[in-house]
């Protein structure tokens, strides 16, 4: 079993309520739910940062993306993640 470390964090009261309800419904400890969510979040952020670095490297070599290329990329991302119309955010 992996070594555990204890943290103290503060979250919004409503989020805490939802977290407790979710953990209870899943018959899990709150710490397990938070650990999995944080792991997923950090993995997602690493992937986003790697993608942004790759885009910057590409633009350094080939020049800025055109508006058409950006629109095409937005459409592909929306198709993959089912978030049509959501604005692009940077990491």
N, C-alpha and C. Protein backbone atom coordinates (compact mmCIF):
# COMPACT_ATOMS: atom_id res chain seq x y z
N UNK A 1 0.84 -1.17 0.00
CA UNK A 1 0.00 0.00 0.00
C UNK A 1 0.89 1.25 0.00
N UNK A 2 0.50 2.24 -0.74
CA UNK A 2 1.26 3.48 -0.85
C UNK A 2 1.23 4.26 0.46
N UNK A 3 2.31 4.95 0.72
CA UNK A 3 2.38 5.78 1.91
C UNK A 3 1.36 6.91 1.80
N UNK A 4 0.71 7.23 2.89
CA UNK A 4 -0.30 8.28 2.92
C UNK A 4 0.26 9.52 3.59
N UNK A 5 -0.22 10.68 3.17
CA UNK A 5 0.13 11.94 3.81
C UNK A 5 -1.17 12.70 4.04
N UNK A 6 -1.27 13.36 5.16
CA UNK A 6 -2.51 14.05 5.51
C UNK A 6 -2.39 15.53 5.14
N UNK A 7 -3.44 16.06 4.53
CA UNK A 7 -3.54 17.47 4.16
C UNK A 7 -4.79 18.06 4.79
N UNK A 8 -4.74 19.34 5.01
CA UNK A 8 -5.92 20.05 5.47
C UNK A 8 -6.25 21.10 4.41
N UNK A 9 -7.45 21.02 3.86
CA UNK A 9 -7.87 21.97 2.83
C UNK A 9 -9.25 22.51 3.17
N UNK A 10 -9.57 23.65 2.61
CA UNK A 10 -10.89 24.24 2.78
C UNK A 10 -11.57 24.28 1.42
N UNK A 11 -12.84 23.88 1.40
CA UNK A 11 -13.62 23.93 0.16
C UNK A 11 -14.95 24.60 0.46
N UNK A 12 -15.60 25.04 -0.59
CA UNK A 12 -16.92 25.65 -0.49
C UNK A 12 -17.88 24.68 0.22
N UNK A 13 -18.73 25.20 1.09
CA UNK A 13 -19.65 24.37 1.87
C UNK A 13 -20.55 23.52 0.98
N UNK A 14 -21.05 24.09 -0.10
CA UNK A 14 -21.94 23.33 -0.99
C UNK A 14 -21.18 22.19 -1.67
N UNK A 15 -19.94 22.46 -2.08
CA UNK A 15 -19.11 21.41 -2.68
C UNK A 15 -18.86 20.30 -1.66
N UNK A 16 -18.61 20.67 -0.42
CA UNK A 16 -18.41 19.68 0.64
C UNK A 16 -19.64 18.80 0.83
N UNK A 17 -20.80 19.41 0.78
CA UNK A 17 -22.05 18.66 0.91
C UNK A 17 -22.20 17.66 -0.24
N UNK A 18 -21.96 18.12 -1.44
CA UNK A 18 -22.06 17.25 -2.61
C UNK A 18 -21.03 16.12 -2.53
N UNK A 19 -19.82 16.46 -2.10
CA UNK A 19 -18.76 15.46 -1.95
C UNK A 19 -19.17 14.38 -0.95
N UNK A 20 -19.68 14.77 0.19
CA UNK A 20 -20.12 13.80 1.20
C UNK A 20 -21.23 12.89 0.65
N UNK A 21 -22.19 13.49 -0.05
CA UNK A 21 -23.29 12.71 -0.63
C UNK A 21 -22.77 11.73 -1.67
N UNK A 22 -21.85 12.21 -2.52
CA UNK A 22 -21.30 11.34 -3.55
C UNK A 22 -20.54 10.17 -2.94
N UNK A 23 -19.67 10.47 -1.97
CA UNK A 23 -18.88 9.42 -1.33
C UNK A 23 -19.80 8.39 -0.67
N UNK A 24 -20.84 8.86 0.00
CA UNK A 24 -21.77 7.95 0.65
C UNK A 24 -22.50 7.07 -0.38
N UNK A 25 -22.93 7.69 -1.48
CA UNK A 25 -23.64 6.94 -2.52
C UNK A 25 -22.74 5.89 -3.16
N UNK A 26 -21.45 6.18 -3.24
CA UNK A 26 -20.50 5.24 -3.83
C UNK A 26 -19.90 4.29 -2.80
N UNK A 27 -20.31 4.46 -1.53
CA UNK A 27 -19.79 3.67 -0.41
C UNK A 27 -18.26 3.74 -0.38
N UNK A 28 -17.74 4.97 -0.46
CA UNK A 28 -16.30 5.21 -0.45
C UNK A 28 -15.96 6.27 0.59
N UNK A 29 -14.71 6.27 0.98
CA UNK A 29 -14.20 7.30 1.86
C UNK A 29 -14.02 8.59 1.05
N UNK A 30 -14.25 9.72 1.67
CA UNK A 30 -14.08 11.00 1.01
C UNK A 30 -12.66 11.14 0.48
N UNK A 31 -11.68 10.69 1.26
CA UNK A 31 -10.29 10.82 0.83
C UNK A 31 -10.03 10.04 -0.46
N UNK A 32 -10.69 8.90 -0.65
CA UNK A 32 -10.52 8.13 -1.88
C UNK A 32 -11.08 8.87 -3.09
N UNK A 33 -12.25 9.47 -2.89
CA UNK A 33 -12.88 10.24 -3.98
C UNK A 33 -11.99 11.42 -4.35
N UNK A 34 -11.50 12.14 -3.34
CA UNK A 34 -10.65 13.30 -3.60
C UNK A 34 -9.34 12.89 -4.25
N UNK A 35 -8.74 11.80 -3.79
CA UNK A 35 -7.48 11.34 -4.38
C UNK A 35 -7.64 11.03 -5.86
N UNK A 36 -8.71 10.31 -6.22
CA UNK A 36 -8.93 9.98 -7.64
C UNK A 36 -9.18 11.23 -8.46
N UNK A 37 -9.99 12.14 -7.92
CA UNK A 37 -10.30 13.38 -8.65
C UNK A 37 -9.04 14.22 -8.84
N UNK A 38 -8.22 14.33 -7.82
CA UNK A 38 -7.00 15.11 -7.92
C UNK A 38 -6.01 14.47 -8.89
N UNK A 39 -5.90 13.16 -8.84
CA UNK A 39 -5.04 12.44 -9.78
C UNK A 39 -5.46 12.73 -11.22
N UNK A 40 -6.76 12.64 -11.49
CA UNK A 40 -7.28 12.90 -12.83
C UNK A 40 -7.02 14.35 -13.24
N UNK A 41 -7.27 15.28 -12.33
CA UNK A 41 -7.04 16.69 -12.60
C UNK A 41 -5.58 16.95 -12.96
N UNK A 42 -4.66 16.42 -12.16
CA UNK A 42 -3.24 16.64 -12.42
C UNK A 42 -2.80 16.00 -13.74
N UNK A 43 -3.32 14.80 -14.05
CA UNK A 43 -3.01 14.17 -15.33
C UNK A 43 -3.52 15.02 -16.49
N UNK A 44 -4.75 15.54 -16.35
CA UNK A 44 -5.31 16.41 -17.39
C UNK A 44 -4.46 17.66 -17.59
N UNK A 45 -4.05 18.28 -16.49
CA UNK A 45 -3.24 19.51 -16.58
C UNK A 45 -1.89 19.23 -17.24
N UNK A 46 -1.27 18.09 -16.92
CA UNK A 46 0.00 17.73 -17.56
C UNK A 46 -0.18 17.57 -19.07
N UNK A 47 -1.27 16.93 -19.46
CA UNK A 47 -1.56 16.73 -20.87
C UNK A 47 -1.80 18.07 -21.57
N UNK A 48 -2.54 18.94 -20.94
CA UNK A 48 -2.80 20.27 -21.51
C UNK A 48 -1.50 21.04 -21.67
N UNK A 49 -0.65 21.03 -20.64
CA UNK A 49 0.62 21.74 -20.74
C UNK A 49 1.49 21.18 -21.86
N UNK A 50 1.51 19.86 -22.00
CA UNK A 50 2.30 19.23 -23.07
C UNK A 50 1.75 19.65 -24.44
N UNK A 51 0.44 19.70 -24.57
CA UNK A 51 -0.17 20.13 -25.83
C UNK A 51 0.15 21.58 -26.16
N UNK A 52 0.08 22.43 -25.15
CA UNK A 52 0.40 23.85 -25.37
C UNK A 52 1.87 24.03 -25.75
N UNK A 53 2.76 23.24 -25.13
CA UNK A 53 4.18 23.31 -25.50
C UNK A 53 4.38 22.85 -26.95
N UNK A 54 3.67 21.79 -27.34
CA UNK A 54 3.78 21.29 -28.71
C UNK A 54 3.26 22.33 -29.70
N UNK A 55 2.18 23.01 -29.36
CA UNK A 55 1.66 24.06 -30.24
C UNK A 55 2.65 25.20 -30.37
N UNK A 56 3.25 25.60 -29.25
CA UNK A 56 4.23 26.69 -29.29
C UNK A 56 5.44 26.29 -30.12
N UNK A 57 5.89 25.05 -29.97
CA UNK A 57 7.03 24.56 -30.77
C UNK A 57 6.68 24.58 -32.26
N UNK A 58 5.46 24.13 -32.59
CA UNK A 58 5.02 24.12 -33.99
C UNK A 58 5.00 25.54 -34.55
N UNK A 59 4.43 26.47 -33.77
CA UNK A 59 4.35 27.85 -34.24
C UNK A 59 5.73 28.48 -34.38
N UNK A 60 6.65 28.10 -33.52
CA UNK A 60 8.03 28.60 -33.64
C UNK A 60 8.65 28.15 -34.96
N UNK A 61 8.36 26.93 -35.32
CA UNK A 61 8.95 26.38 -36.54
C UNK A 61 8.21 26.80 -37.81
N UNK A 62 6.88 26.84 -37.76
CA UNK A 62 6.09 27.06 -38.97
C UNK A 62 5.29 28.35 -39.00
N UNK A 63 5.31 29.11 -37.92
CA UNK A 63 4.53 30.35 -37.86
C UNK A 63 3.21 30.13 -37.16
N UNK A 64 2.53 31.24 -36.86
CA UNK A 64 1.26 31.16 -36.12
C UNK A 64 0.19 30.38 -36.88
N UNK A 65 -0.69 29.77 -36.10
CA UNK A 65 -1.83 29.08 -36.69
C UNK A 65 -2.76 30.12 -37.31
N UNK A 66 -3.36 29.75 -38.43
CA UNK A 66 -4.31 30.65 -39.08
C UNK A 66 -5.65 30.57 -38.35
N UNK A 67 -6.52 31.54 -38.62
CA UNK A 67 -7.86 31.52 -38.03
C UNK A 67 -8.61 30.26 -38.46
N UNK A 68 -8.43 29.84 -39.71
CA UNK A 68 -9.10 28.63 -40.20
C UNK A 68 -8.59 27.40 -39.45
N UNK A 69 -7.29 27.33 -39.22
CA UNK A 69 -6.73 26.20 -38.47
C UNK A 69 -7.25 26.19 -37.04
N UNK A 70 -7.34 27.36 -36.43
CA UNK A 70 -7.85 27.45 -35.06
C UNK A 70 -9.33 27.05 -35.00
N UNK A 71 -10.11 27.48 -35.98
CA UNK A 71 -11.53 27.12 -36.02
C UNK A 71 -11.69 25.61 -36.20
N UNK A 72 -10.86 25.02 -37.06
CA UNK A 72 -10.89 23.57 -37.27
C UNK A 72 -10.53 22.84 -35.98
N UNK A 73 -9.50 23.31 -35.29
CA UNK A 73 -9.09 22.69 -34.02
C UNK A 73 -10.19 22.81 -32.98
N UNK A 74 -10.82 23.97 -32.89
CA UNK A 74 -11.93 24.15 -31.94
C UNK A 74 -13.06 23.17 -32.23
N UNK A 75 -13.38 23.00 -33.50
CA UNK A 75 -14.46 22.09 -33.89
C UNK A 75 -14.10 20.64 -33.54
N UNK A 76 -12.85 20.27 -33.75
CA UNK A 76 -12.43 18.90 -33.41
C UNK A 76 -12.49 18.66 -31.90
N UNK A 77 -12.02 19.62 -31.13
CA UNK A 77 -12.05 19.48 -29.68
C UNK A 77 -13.49 19.40 -29.18
N UNK A 78 -14.35 20.26 -29.72
CA UNK A 78 -15.77 20.23 -29.33
C UNK A 78 -16.38 18.88 -29.67
N UNK A 79 -16.01 18.32 -30.81
CA UNK A 79 -16.51 17.01 -31.20
C UNK A 79 -16.03 15.90 -30.28
N UNK A 80 -14.79 16.00 -29.85
CA UNK A 80 -14.23 14.98 -28.95
C UNK A 80 -14.80 15.05 -27.54
N UNK A 81 -14.99 16.27 -27.06
CA UNK A 81 -15.39 16.45 -25.68
C UNK A 81 -16.83 16.88 -25.49
N UNK A 82 -17.56 17.04 -26.60
CA UNK A 82 -18.96 17.38 -26.50
C UNK A 82 -19.23 18.72 -25.85
N UNK A 83 -18.38 19.68 -26.11
CA UNK A 83 -18.56 21.01 -25.53
C UNK A 83 -18.66 22.06 -26.63
N UNK A 84 -19.63 21.96 -27.48
CA UNK A 84 -19.73 22.93 -28.57
C UNK A 84 -19.91 24.34 -28.03
N UNK A 85 -19.19 25.28 -28.62
CA UNK A 85 -19.34 26.68 -28.27
C UNK A 85 -18.54 27.11 -27.06
N UNK A 86 -17.91 26.18 -26.37
CA UNK A 86 -17.12 26.58 -25.19
C UNK A 86 -15.85 27.27 -25.64
N UNK A 87 -15.53 28.37 -24.96
CA UNK A 87 -14.34 29.11 -25.33
C UNK A 87 -13.09 28.33 -24.93
N UNK A 88 -12.05 28.51 -25.72
CA UNK A 88 -10.77 27.88 -25.48
C UNK A 88 -10.11 28.55 -24.28
N UNK A 89 -9.56 27.74 -23.36
CA UNK A 89 -8.85 28.27 -22.21
C UNK A 89 -7.42 27.76 -22.25
N UNK A 90 -6.51 28.54 -21.70
CA UNK A 90 -5.12 28.12 -21.64
C UNK A 90 -4.81 27.58 -20.25
N UNK A 91 -3.79 26.75 -20.17
CA UNK A 91 -3.40 26.16 -18.88
C UNK A 91 -2.41 27.03 -18.16
